[in-house]
Amino acid sequence: MIKSYSFGHEIIFENGKWIYLDSKKPININRKCRRCGKYQIVLEIDGKLADIDYCILDVVTVLNNGGIKTIACCCGHGKVPGIIALSDGRELSIKPVEGDQCTR
């Protein structure tokens, strides 16, 4: 059995598709982040729509508005440190503060 995570929720690869371990529903069903309990927000970056984790939306917005273009990001969903990938190849690591529940 192959296991992974989606928005902090454990998922497994079963019968040729990824499903949530707890509900057995396909992972294409939108779920709230396990860490902050909020859905992603759609943000336009360079004319393209991107799904941004709610709890890092402010940081991603400030970077892009300041001319530092992002190409991917993830808050880590309480499982791993978050990351923001920049268009120039650099990556910013996001380490949550202990006790932080990812609230804005």
Protein backbone atom coordinates (compact mmCIF):
# COMPACT_ATOMS: atom_id res chain seq x y z
CA MET A 1 0.00 0.00 0.00
CA ILE A 2 1.32 3.45 -0.93
CA LYS A 3 0.58 6.25 1.57
CA SER A 4 0.95 10.00 1.35
CA TYR A 5 -0.81 13.20 2.47
CA SER A 6 -3.16 15.71 0.86
CA PHE A 7 -3.79 18.93 2.83
CA GLY A 8 -2.47 17.08 5.88
CA HIS A 9 -4.97 14.24 5.49
CA GLU A 10 -3.58 10.74 5.02
CA ILE A 11 -4.25 9.30 1.57
CA ILE A 12 -3.61 5.87 0.07
CA PHE A 13 -3.29 4.54 -3.46
CA GLU A 14 -5.88 1.79 -3.81
CA ASN A 15 -7.40 0.13 -6.89
CA GLY A 16 -5.58 2.51 -9.22
CA LYS A 17 -6.62 5.78 -7.54
CA TRP A 18 -5.74 8.00 -4.60
CA ILE A 19 -8.35 8.11 -1.81
CA TYR A 20 -8.58 9.60 1.67
CA LEU A 21 -7.75 6.93 4.25
CA ASP A 22 -10.44 8.02 6.72
CA SER A 23 -13.41 8.43 4.35
CA LYS A 24 -12.30 6.28 1.38
CA LYS A 25 -13.45 9.15 -0.89
CA PRO A 26 -11.37 10.26 -3.91
CA ILE A 27 -8.90 13.06 -3.20
CA ASN A 28 -10.47 15.28 -5.86
CA ILE A 29 -13.04 16.22 -3.21
CA ASN A 30 -11.93 19.55 -1.72
CA ARG A 31 -11.07 19.29 1.97
CA LYS A 32 -9.99 21.88 4.47
CA CYS A 33 -6.35 22.05 5.53
CA ARG A 34 -5.80 19.73 8.48
CA ARG A 35 -3.65 22.37 10.17
CA CYS A 36 -5.65 25.61 9.83
CA GLY A 37 -9.07 24.20 8.97
CA LYS A 38 -9.53 26.51 5.97
CA TYR A 39 -9.85 25.96 2.22
CA GLN A 40 -7.31 27.19 -0.32
CA ILE A 41 -7.78 30.61 -1.90
CA VAL A 42 -7.50 31.20 -5.64
CA LEU A 43 -4.96 33.93 -6.42
CA GLU A 44 -4.04 35.34 -9.83
CA ILE A 45 -0.28 35.35 -10.39
CA ASP A 46 1.02 36.62 -13.73
CA GLY A 47 -2.35 36.07 -15.36
CA LYS A 48 -2.67 32.48 -14.12
CA LEU A 49 -4.87 31.19 -11.32
CA ALA A 50 -3.15 29.40 -8.45
CA ASP A 51 -4.55 27.65 -5.37
CA ILE A 52 -2.81 29.07 -2.30
CA ASP A 53 -3.05 27.69 1.23
CA TYR A 54 -5.02 30.20 3.28
CA CYS A 55 -2.50 30.51 6.10
CA ILE A 56 0.36 31.59 3.77
CA LEU A 57 -1.74 33.71 1.40
CA ASP A 58 -0.44 37.00 2.86
CA VAL A 59 3.21 35.99 2.40
CA VAL A 60 2.69 34.75 -1.17
CA THR A 61 0.73 37.92 -2.06
CA VAL A 62 3.40 40.24 -0.63
CA LEU A 63 6.20 38.39 -2.44
CA ASN A 64 4.43 38.55 -5.82
CA ASN A 65 3.32 42.16 -5.40
CA GLY A 66 6.91 43.01 -4.49
CA GLY A 67 8.27 41.51 -7.71
CA ILE A 68 9.44 38.21 -6.21
CA LYS A 69 7.48 35.70 -8.29
CA THR A 70 6.38 32.42 -6.79
CA ILE A 71 5.73 29.24 -8.76
CA ALA A 72 4.49 26.83 -6.06
CA CYS A 73 3.77 26.75 -2.35
CA CYS A 74 2.44 24.62 0.49
CA CYS A 75 1.96 25.44 4.17
CA GLY A 76 2.94 21.87 5.15
CA HIS A 77 -0.51 21.19 6.63
CA GLY A 78 0.94 20.43 10.04
CA LYS A 79 2.88 17.42 8.74
CA VAL A 80 6.05 18.95 7.30
CA PRO A 81 7.59 22.43 7.11
CA GLY A 82 5.95 24.61 4.48
CA ILE A 83 7.69 25.82 1.35
CA ILE A 84 7.37 28.62 -1.18
CA ALA A 85 9.19 28.01 -4.47
CA LEU A 86 10.39 31.13 -6.27
CA SER A 87 10.67 31.52 -10.04
CA ASP A 88 14.45 32.06 -9.79
CA GLY A 89 15.00 28.59 -8.31
CA ARG A 90 15.23 29.58 -4.64
CA GLU A 91 12.92 28.09 -2.03
CA LEU A 92 11.68 29.63 1.19
CA SER A 93 11.09 27.24 4.07
CA ILE A 94 8.20 27.96 6.43
CA LYS A 95 8.63 26.72 9.96
CA PRO A 96 5.48 27.10 12.07
CA VAL A 97 5.77 28.64 15.51
CA GLU A 98 5.06 26.07 18.22
CA GLY A 99 1.40 26.21 19.19
CA ASP A 100 0.51 28.12 16.00
CA GLN A 101 -2.80 26.90 14.64
CA CYS A 102 -2.24 28.65 11.33
CA THR A 103 -4.76 31.41 11.98
CA ARG A 104 -4.53 34.73 10.19
